[in-house]
Amino acid sequence: MYHDSYRKVEAVRLPAEFRFEESEVFVRRDPKTGDVILSRKPESWDGLFELHGKDPIPDDFMGPADRRQPSCDRDPFEDRDVKDGNL
């Protein structure tokens, strides 16, 4: 595991049988167990749009507390060499 406390990032090498074909994945934490979950990023959002209107959305979904997020003042490219196209 790689840990950079200055940038507050970690990197984990996955065993071959758990590797993703995609270059990006979603990362989320299970609110009950605290487990970190990696999942493939879908190629399109069509499946999500198909769900629209099929089930009622709870009144407290994405309430003000959920939308309140701290600002991110860091440069997203600070550790990348963008002038050479290496992201």
PDB file of N, CA and C in Angstrom:
ATOM      1  N   MET A   1       0.841  -1.168   0.000  1.00  0.00           N
ATOM      2  CA  MET A   1       0.000   0.000   0.000  1.00  0.00           C
ATOM      3  C   MET A   1       0.889   1.234   0.000  1.00  0.00           C
ATOM      4  N   TYR A   2       0.511   2.208  -0.807  1.00  0.00           N
ATOM      5  CA  TYR A   2       1.187   3.503  -0.857  1.00  0.00           C
ATOM      6  C   TYR A   2       0.339   4.500  -0.086  1.00  0.00           C
ATOM      7  N   HIS A   3       0.951   5.291   0.765  1.00  0.00           N
ATOM      8  CA  HIS A   3       0.229   6.279   1.567  1.00  0.00           C
ATOM      9  C   HIS A   3       0.962   7.606   1.482  1.00  0.00           C
ATOM     10  N   ASP A   4       0.253   8.656   1.114  1.00  0.00           N
ATOM     11  CA  ASP A   4       0.823   9.998   1.021  1.00  0.00           C
ATOM     12  C   ASP A   4       0.013  10.893   1.956  1.00  0.00           C
ATOM     13  N   SER A   5       0.525  11.137   3.158  1.00  0.00           N
ATOM     14  CA  SER A   5      -0.234  11.905   4.145  1.00  0.00           C
ATOM     15  C   SER A   5      -0.363  13.375   3.771  1.00  0.00           C
ATOM     16  N   TYR A   6       0.541  13.881   2.942  1.00  0.00           N
ATOM     17  CA  TYR A   6       0.450  15.285   2.527  1.00  0.00           C
ATOM     18  C   TYR A   6      -0.778  15.494   1.647  1.00  0.00           C
ATOM     19  N   ARG A   7      -0.978  14.619   0.680  1.00  0.00           N
ATOM     20  CA  ARG A   7      -2.122  14.759  -0.228  1.00  0.00           C
ATOM     21  C   ARG A   7      -3.335  13.978   0.250  1.00  0.00           C
ATOM     22  N   LYS A   8      -3.178  13.224   1.324  1.00  0.00           N
ATOM     23  CA  LYS A   8      -4.248  12.417   1.887  1.00  0.00           C
ATOM     24  C   LYS A   8      -4.798  11.416   0.876  1.00  0.00           C
ATOM     25  N   VAL A   9      -3.903  10.660   0.244  1.00  0.00           N
ATOM     26  CA  VAL A   9      -4.294   9.625  -0.710  1.00  0.00           C
ATOM     27  C   VAL A   9      -3.609   8.313  -0.356  1.00  0.00           C
ATOM     28  N   GLU A  10      -4.201   7.226  -0.784  1.00  0.00           N
ATOM     29  CA  GLU A  10      -3.617   5.907  -0.631  1.00  0.00           C
ATOM     30  C   GLU A  10      -3.783   5.163  -1.946  1.00  0.00           C
ATOM     31  N   ALA A  11      -2.878   4.266  -2.222  1.00  0.00           N
ATOM     32  CA  ALA A  11      -2.978   3.401  -3.392  1.00  0.00           C
ATOM     33  C   ALA A  11      -2.812   1.961  -2.932  1.00  0.00           C
ATOM     34  N   VAL A  12      -3.618   1.090  -3.480  1.00  0.00           N
ATOM     35  CA  VAL A  12      -3.573  -0.324  -3.132  1.00  0.00           C
ATOM     36  C   VAL A  12      -3.436  -1.124  -4.418  1.00  0.00           C
ATOM     37  N   ARG A  13      -2.526  -2.065  -4.442  1.00  0.00           N
ATOM     38  CA  ARG A  13      -2.367  -2.941  -5.609  1.00  0.00           C
ATOM     39  C   ARG A  13      -3.289  -4.139  -5.417  1.00  0.00           C
ATOM     40  N   LEU A  14      -4.145  -4.379  -6.411  1.00  0.00           N
ATOM     41  CA  LEU A  14      -5.088  -5.487  -6.341  1.00  0.00           C
ATOM     42  C   LEU A  14      -4.477  -6.752  -6.936  1.00  0.00           C
ATOM     43  N   PRO A  15      -4.774  -7.902  -6.349  1.00  0.00           N
ATOM     44  CA  PRO A  15      -4.349  -9.156  -6.975  1.00  0.00           C
ATOM     45  C   PRO A  15      -4.986  -9.279  -8.366  1.00  0.00           C
ATOM     46  N   ALA A  16      -4.350 -10.016  -9.248  1.00  0.00           N
ATOM     47  CA  ALA A  16      -4.792 -10.115 -10.642  1.00  0.00           C
ATOM     48  C   ALA A  16      -6.261 -10.504 -10.772  1.00  0.00           C
ATOM     49  N   GLU A  17      -6.738 -11.400  -9.934  1.00  0.00           N
ATOM     50  CA  GLU A  17      -8.126 -11.854 -10.072  1.00  0.00           C
ATOM     51  C   GLU A  17      -9.155 -10.778  -9.698  1.00  0.00           C
ATOM     52  N   PHE A  18      -8.711  -9.684  -9.081  1.00  0.00           N
ATOM     53  CA  PHE A  18      -9.625  -8.602  -8.703  1.00  0.00           C
ATOM     54  C   PHE A  18      -9.438  -7.341  -9.542  1.00  0.00           C
ATOM     55  N   ARG A  19      -8.553  -7.382 -10.505  1.00  0.00           N
ATOM     56  CA  ARG A  19      -8.277  -6.182 -11.296  1.00  0.00           C
ATOM     57  C   ARG A  19      -9.443  -5.832 -12.195  1.00  0.00           C
ATOM     58  N   PHE A  20      -9.550  -4.541 -12.488  1.00  0.00           N
ATOM     59  CA  PHE A  20     -10.599  -4.018 -13.357  1.00  0.00           C
ATOM     60  C   PHE A  20     -10.025  -3.802 -14.751  1.00  0.00           C
ATOM     61  N   GLU A  21     -10.840  -4.009 -15.776  1.00  0.00           N
ATOM     62  CA  GLU A  21     -10.437  -3.716 -17.146  1.00  0.00           C
ATOM     63  C   GLU A  21     -10.501  -2.211 -17.405  1.00  0.00           C
ATOM     64  N   GLU A  22     -11.394  -1.531 -16.693  1.00  0.00           N
ATOM     65  CA  GLU A  22     -11.601  -0.103 -16.873  1.00  0.00           C
ATOM     66  C   GLU A  22     -10.441   0.682 -16.265  1.00  0.00           C
ATOM     67  N   SER A  23     -10.263   1.917 -16.735  1.00  0.00           N
ATOM     68  CA  SER A  23      -9.209   2.765 -16.181  1.00  0.00           C
ATOM     69  C   SER A  23      -9.703   3.557 -14.971  1.00  0.00           C
ATOM     70  N   GLU A  24     -11.019   3.591 -14.747  1.00  0.00           N
ATOM     71  CA  GLU A  24     -11.585   4.296 -13.600  1.00  0.00           C
ATOM     72  C   GLU A  24     -12.584   3.390 -12.896  1.00  0.00           C
ATOM     73  N   VAL A  25     -12.655   3.526 -11.576  1.00  0.00           N
ATOM     74  CA  VAL A  25     -13.632   2.785 -10.775  1.00  0.00           C
ATOM     75  C   VAL A  25     -14.282   3.741  -9.790  1.00  0.00           C
ATOM     76  N   PHE A  26     -15.435   3.339  -9.289  1.00  0.00           N
ATOM     77  CA  PHE A  26     -16.089   4.090  -8.227  1.00  0.00           C
ATOM     78  C   PHE A  26     -15.590   3.559  -6.887  1.00  0.00           C
ATOM     79  N   VAL A  27     -15.414   4.455  -5.931  1.00  0.00           N
ATOM     80  CA  VAL A  27     -15.002   4.079  -4.586  1.00  0.00           C
ATOM     81  C   VAL A  27     -16.046   4.624  -3.624  1.00  0.00           C
ATOM     82  N   ARG A  28     -16.549   3.764  -2.762  1.00  0.00           N
ATOM     83  CA  ARG A  28     -17.519   4.219  -1.765  1.00  0.00           C
ATOM     84  C   ARG A  28     -17.308   3.421  -0.488  1.00  0.00           C
ATOM     85  N   ARG A  29     -17.873   3.918   0.603  1.00  0.00           N
ATOM     86  CA  ARG A  29     -17.751   3.250   1.892  1.00  0.00           C
ATOM     87  C   ARG A  29     -19.134   2.780   2.326  1.00  0.00           C
ATOM     88  N   ASP A  30     -19.230   1.542   2.757  1.00  0.00           N
ATOM     89  CA  ASP A  30     -20.483   1.020   3.276  1.00  0.00           C
ATOM     90  C   ASP A  30     -20.776   1.723   4.597  1.00  0.00           C
ATOM     91  N   PRO A  31     -21.909   2.407   4.713  1.00  0.00           N
ATOM     92  CA  PRO A  31     -22.176   3.173   5.932  1.00  0.00           C
ATOM     93  C   PRO A  31     -22.347   2.314   7.187  1.00  0.00           C
ATOM     94  N   LYS A  32     -22.735   1.055   7.031  1.00  0.00           N
ATOM     95  CA  LYS A  32     -22.937   0.193   8.203  1.00  0.00           C
ATOM     96  C   LYS A  32     -21.642  -0.465   8.659  1.00  0.00           C
ATOM     97  N   THR A  33     -20.856  -0.976   7.714  1.00  0.00           N
ATOM     98  CA  THR A  33     -19.656  -1.727   8.092  1.00  0.00           C
ATOM     99  C   THR A  33     -18.374  -0.904   8.015  1.00  0.00           C
ATOM    100  N   GLY A  34     -18.410   0.188   7.236  1.00  0.00           N
ATOM    101  CA  GLY A  34     -17.201   0.974   7.028  1.00  0.00           C
ATOM    102  C   GLY A  34     -16.291   0.395   5.960  1.00  0.00           C
ATOM    103  N   ASP A  35     -16.695  -0.734   5.355  1.00  0.00           N
ATOM    104  CA  ASP A  35     -15.891  -1.354   4.304  1.00  0.00           C
ATOM    105  C   ASP A  35     -15.777  -0.425   3.100  1.00  0.00           C
ATOM    106  N   VAL A  36     -14.616  -0.436   2.473  1.00  0.00           N
ATOM    107  CA  VAL A  36     -14.409   0.319   1.239  1.00  0.00           C
ATOM    108  C   VAL A  36     -14.775  -0.598   0.075  1.00  0.00           C
ATOM    109  N   ILE A  37     -15.602  -0.090  -0.833  1.00  0.00           N
ATOM    110  CA  ILE A  37     -16.109  -0.887  -1.944  1.00  0.00           C
ATOM    111  C   ILE A  37     -15.681  -0.259  -3.266  1.00  0.00           C
ATOM    112  N   LEU A  38     -15.056  -1.050  -4.110  1.00  0.00           N
ATOM    113  CA  LEU A  38     -14.685  -0.620  -5.453  1.00  0.00           C
ATOM    114  C   LEU A  38     -15.657  -1.272  -6.429  1.00  0.00           C
ATOM    115  N   SER A  39     -16.135  -0.505  -7.390  1.00  0.00           N
ATOM    116  CA  SER A  39     -17.002  -1.079  -8.417  1.00  0.00           C
ATOM    117  C   SER A  39     -16.679  -0.439  -9.750  1.00  0.00           C
ATOM    118  N   ARG A  40     -16.959  -1.163 -10.823  1.00  0.00           N
ATOM    119  CA  ARG A  40     -16.642  -0.641 -12.143  1.00  0.00           C
ATOM    120  C   ARG A  40     -17.511   0.569 -12.449  1.00  0.00           C
ATOM    121  N   LYS A  41     -16.960   1.472 -13.190  1.00  0.00           N
ATOM    122  CA  LYS A  41     -17.688   2.656 -13.622  1.00  0.00           C
ATOM    123  C   LYS A  41     -18.445   2.276 -14.893  1.00  0.00           C
ATOM    124  N   PRO A  42     -19.756   2.478 -14.930  1.00  0.00           N
ATOM    125  CA  PRO A  42     -20.502   2.069 -16.119  1.00  0.00           C
ATOM    126  C   PRO A  42     -20.108   2.886 -17.349  1.00  0.00           C
ATOM    127  N   GLU A  43     -20.223   2.258 -18.515  1.00  0.00           N
ATOM    128  CA  GLU A  43     -19.906   2.956 -19.753  1.00  0.00           C
ATOM    129  C   GLU A  43     -20.937   4.031 -20.069  1.00  0.00           C
ATOM    130  N   SER A  44     -22.161   3.829 -19.598  1.00  0.00           N
ATOM    131  CA  SER A  44     -23.196   4.841 -19.809  1.00  0.00           C
ATOM    132  C   SER A  44     -24.111   4.867 -18.584  1.00  0.00           C
ATOM    133  N   TRP A  45     -24.933   5.881 -18.514  1.00  0.00           N
ATOM    134  CA  TRP A  45     -25.872   6.042 -17.408  1.00  0.00           C
ATOM    135  C   TRP A  45     -27.279   5.613 -17.818  1.00  0.00           C
ATOM    136  N   ASP A  46     -27.420   4.924 -18.943  1.00  0.00           N
ATOM    137  CA  ASP A  46     -28.733   4.531 -19.443  1.00  0.00           C
ATOM    138  C   ASP A  46     -29.528   3.737 -18.412  1.00  0.00           C
ATOM    139  N   GLY A  47     -28.867   2.824 -17.712  1.00  0.00           N
ATOM    140  CA  GLY A  47     -29.561   2.021 -16.694  1.00  0.00           C
ATOM    141  C   GLY A  47     -30.149   2.875 -15.591  1.00  0.00           C
ATOM    142  N   LEU A  48     -29.441   3.909 -15.192  1.00  0.00           N
ATOM    143  CA  LEU A  48     -29.948   4.810 -14.167  1.00  0.00           C
ATOM    144  C   LEU A  48     -31.174   5.564 -14.671  1.00  0.00           C
ATOM    145  N   PHE A  49     -31.091   6.056 -15.898  1.00  0.00           N
ATOM    146  CA  PHE A  49     -32.218   6.798 -16.454  1.00  0.00           C
ATOM    147  C   PHE A  49     -33.442   5.920 -16.645  1.00  0.00           C
ATOM    148  N   GLU A  50     -33.252   4.631 -16.905  1.00  0.00           N
ATOM    149  CA  GLU A  50     -34.374   3.704 -17.042  1.00  0.00           C
ATOM    150  C   GLU A  50     -35.119   3.530 -15.721  1.00  0.00           C
ATOM    151  N   LEU A  51     -34.435   3.706 -14.610  1.00  0.00           N
ATOM    152  CA  LEU A  51     -35.061   3.566 -13.289  1.00  0.00           C
ATOM    153  C   LEU A  51     -35.917   4.764 -12.904  1.00  0.00           C
ATOM    154  N   HIS A  52     -35.686   5.900 -13.563  1.00  0.00           N
ATOM    155  CA  HIS A  52     -36.399   7.131 -13.223  1.00  0.00           C
ATOM    156  C   HIS A  52     -37.913   6.918 -13.312  1.00  0.00           C
ATOM    157  N   GLY A  53     -38.588   7.209 -12.225  1.00  0.00           N
ATOM    158  CA  GLY A  53     -40.041   7.111 -12.182  1.00  0.00           C
ATOM    159  C   GLY A  53     -40.581   5.737 -11.843  1.00  0.00           C
ATOM    160  N   LYS A  54     -39.716   4.715 -11.746  1.00  0.00           N
ATOM    161  CA  LYS A  54     -40.200   3.371 -11.441  1.00  0.00           C
ATOM    162  C   LYS A  54     -40.493   3.181  -9.955  1.00  0.00           C
ATOM    163  N   ASP A  55     -39.700   3.788  -9.099  1.00  0.00           N
ATOM    164  CA  ASP A  55     -39.891   3.680  -7.653  1.00  0.00           C
ATOM    165  C   ASP A  55     -39.954   5.078  -7.061  1.00  0.00           C
ATOM    166  N   PRO A  56     -40.762   5.250  -5.999  1.00  0.00           N
ATOM    167  CA  PRO A  56     -40.809   6.571  -5.362  1.00  0.00           C
ATOM    168  C   PRO A  56     -39.482   6.903  -4.687  1.00  0.00           C
ATOM    169  N   ILE A  57     -39.137   8.165  -4.696  1.00  0.00           N
ATOM    170  CA  ILE A  57     -37.912   8.632  -4.058  1.00  0.00           C
ATOM    171  C   ILE A  57     -38.274   9.139  -2.662  1.00  0.00           C
ATOM    172  N   PRO A  58     -37.581   8.664  -1.620  1.00  0.00           N
ATOM    173  CA  PRO A  58     -37.890   9.122  -0.255  1.00  0.00           C
ATOM    174  C   PRO A  58     -37.731  10.636  -0.130  1.00  0.00           C
ATOM    175  N   ASP A  59     -38.555  11.229   0.718  1.00  0.00           N
ATOM    176  CA  ASP A  59     -38.528  12.682   0.908  1.00  0.00           C
ATOM    177  C   ASP A  59     -37.173  13.183   1.409  1.00  0.00           C
ATOM    178  N   ASP A  60     -36.459  12.348   2.172  1.00  0.00           N
ATOM    179  CA  ASP A  60     -35.183  12.799   2.729  1.00  0.00           C
ATOM    180  C   ASP A  60     -33.990  12.469   1.834  1.00  0.00           C
ATOM    181  N   PHE A  61     -34.228  11.983   0.622  1.00  0.00           N
ATOM    182  CA  PHE A  61     -33.126  11.662  -0.282  1.00  0.00           C
ATOM    183  C   PHE A  61     -32.443  12.936  -0.748  1.00  0.00           C
ATOM    184  N   MET A  62     -31.127  12.983  -0.589  1.00  0.00           N
ATOM    185  CA  MET A  62     -30.309  14.136  -0.985  1.00  0.00           C
ATOM    186  C   MET A  62     -30.840  15.443  -0.383  1.00  0.00           C
ATOM    187  N   GLY A  63     -31.090  15.407   0.913  1.00  0.00           N
ATOM    188  CA  GLY A  63     -31.528  16.598   1.621  1.00  0.00           C
ATOM    189  C   GLY A  63     -30.387  17.593   1.769  1.00  0.00           C
ATOM    190  N   PRO A  64     -30.650  18.723   2.411  1.00  0.00           N
ATOM    191  CA  PRO A  64     -29.622  19.758   2.563  1.00  0.00           C
ATOM    192  C   PRO A  64     -28.334  19.255   3.213  1.00  0.00           C
ATOM    193  N   ALA A  65     -28.446  18.363   4.184  1.00  0.00           N
ATOM    194  CA  ALA A  65     -27.232  17.849   4.846  1.00  0.00           C
ATOM    195  C   ALA A  65     -26.386  17.027   3.871  1.00  0.00           C
ATOM    196  N   ASP A  66     -27.047  16.300   2.972  1.00  0.00           N
ATOM    197  CA  ASP A  66     -26.306  15.498   1.984  1.00  0.00           C
ATOM    198  C   ASP A  66     -25.624  16.377   0.951  1.00  0.00           C
ATOM    199  N   ARG A  67     -26.233  17.493   0.624  1.00  0.00           N
ATOM    200  CA  ARG A  67     -25.687  18.371  -0.416  1.00  0.00           C
ATOM    201  C   ARG A  67     -24.599  19.293   0.112  1.00  0.00           C
ATOM    202  N   ARG A  68     -24.494  19.429   1.435  1.00  0.00           N
ATOM    203  CA  ARG A  68     -23.486  20.303   2.026  1.00  0.00           C
ATOM    204  C   ARG A  68     -22.138  19.603   1.982  1.00  0.00           C
ATOM    205  N   GLN A  69     -21.261  20.048   1.113  1.00  0.00           N
ATOM    206  CA  GLN A  69     -19.955  19.425   0.944  1.00  0.00           C
ATOM    207  C   GLN A  69     -18.872  20.482   1.124  1.00  0.00           C
ATOM    208  N   PRO A  70     -17.748  20.109   1.711  1.00  0.00           N
ATOM    209  CA  PRO A  70     -16.657  21.084   1.852  1.00  0.00           C
ATOM    210  C   PRO A  70     -16.064  21.404   0.480  1.00  0.00           C
ATOM    211  N   SER A  71     -15.541  22.606   0.360  1.00  0.00           N
ATOM    212  CA  SER A  71     -14.919  22.984  -0.908  1.00  0.00           C
ATOM    213  C   SER A  71     -13.584  22.270  -1.066  1.00  0.00           C
ATOM    214  N   CYS A  72     -13.189  22.082  -2.293  1.00  0.00           N
ATOM    215  CA  CYS A  72     -11.928  21.426  -2.609  1.00  0.00           C
ATOM    216  C   CYS A  72     -11.029  22.459  -3.259  1.00  0.00           C
ATOM    217  N   ASP A  73     -10.032  22.928  -2.536  1.00  0.00           N
ATOM    218  CA  ASP A  73      -9.180  24.010  -3.024  1.00  0.00           C
ATOM    219  C   ASP A  73      -7.876  23.527  -3.645  1.00  0.00           C
ATOM    220  N   ARG A  74      -7.680  22.226  -3.768  1.00  0.00           N
ATOM    221  CA  ARG A  74      -6.421  21.742  -4.316  1.00  0.00           C
ATOM    222  C   ARG A  74      -6.471  21.737  -5.846  1.00  0.00           C
ATOM    223  N   ASP A  75      -5.317  21.816  -6.447  1.00  0.00           N
ATOM    224  CA  ASP A  75      -5.194  21.744  -7.895  1.00  0.00           C
ATOM    225  C   ASP A  75      -5.268  20.268  -8.292  1.00  0.00           C
ATOM    226  N   PRO A  76      -6.258  19.848  -9.065  1.00  0.00           N
ATOM    227  CA  PRO A  76      -6.390  18.423  -9.387  1.00  0.00           C
ATOM    228  C   PRO A  76      -5.247  17.883 -10.241  1.00  0.00           C
ATOM    229  N   PHE A  77      -4.448  18.758 -10.829  1.00  0.00           N
ATOM    230  CA  PHE A  77      -3.348  18.316 -11.671  1.00  0.00           C
ATOM    231  C   PHE A  77      -1.982  18.574 -11.040  1.00  0.00           C
ATOM    232  N   GLU A  78      -1.942  18.874  -9.735  1.00  0.00           N
ATOM    233  CA  GLU A  78      -0.679  19.258  -9.109  1.00  0.00           C
ATOM    234  C   GLU A  78       0.389  18.170  -9.169  1.00  0.00           C
ATOM    235  N   ASP A  79      -0.009  16.916  -9.180  1.00  0.00           N
ATOM    236  CA  ASP A  79       0.984  15.849  -9.220  1.00  0.00           C
ATOM    237  C   ASP A  79       1.065  15.169 -10.584  1.00  0.00           C
ATOM    238  N   ARG A  80       0.521  15.824 -11.596  1.00  0.00           N
ATOM    239  CA  ARG A  80       0.515  15.256 -12.952  1.00  0.00           C
ATOM    240  C   ARG A  80       1.359  16.110 -13.891  1.00  0.00           C
ATOM    241  N   ASP A  81       1.901  15.476 -14.893  1.00  0.00           N
ATOM    242  CA  ASP A  81       2.687  16.179 -15.897  1.00  0.00           C
ATOM    243  C   ASP A  81       1.790  16.411 -17.114  1.00  0.00           C
ATOM    244  N   VAL A  82       0.921  17.435 -17.026  1.00  0.00           N
ATOM    245  CA  VAL A  82      -0.064  17.663 -18.084  1.00  0.00           C
ATOM    246  C   VAL A  82       0.540  18.246 -19.349  1.00  0.00           C
ATOM    247  N   LYS A  83       1.680  18.897 -19.256  1.00  0.00           N
ATOM    248  CA  LYS A  83       2.241  19.488 -20.462  1.00  0.00           C
ATOM    249  C   LYS A  83       2.660  18.433 -21.488  1.00  0.00           C
ATOM    250  N   ASP A  84       2.975  17.214 -21.015  1.00  0.00           N
ATOM    251  CA  ASP A  84       3.340  16.126 -21.907  1.00  0.00           C
ATOM    252  C   ASP A  84       2.162  15.204 -22.195  1.00  0.00           C
ATOM    253  N   GLY A  85       0.997  15.566 -21.665  1.00  0.00           N
ATOM    254  CA  GLY A  85      -0.186  14.738 -21.876  1.00  0.00           C
ATOM    255  C   GLY A  85      -0.232  13.504 -21.019  1.00  0.00           C
ATOM    256  N   ASN A  86       0.592  13.442 -19.981  1.00  0.00           N
ATOM    257  CA  ASN A  86       0.608  12.286 -19.086  1.00  0.00           C
ATOM    258  C   ASN A  86      -0.305  12.567 -17.901  1.00  0.00           C
ATOM    259  N   LEU A  87      -1.474  11.991 -17.939  1.00  0.00           N
ATOM    260  CA  LEU A  87      -2.401  12.138 -16.826  1.00  0.00           C
ATOM    261  C   LEU A  87      -2.357  10.862 -16.064  1.00  0.00           C
TER     262      LEU A  87
END
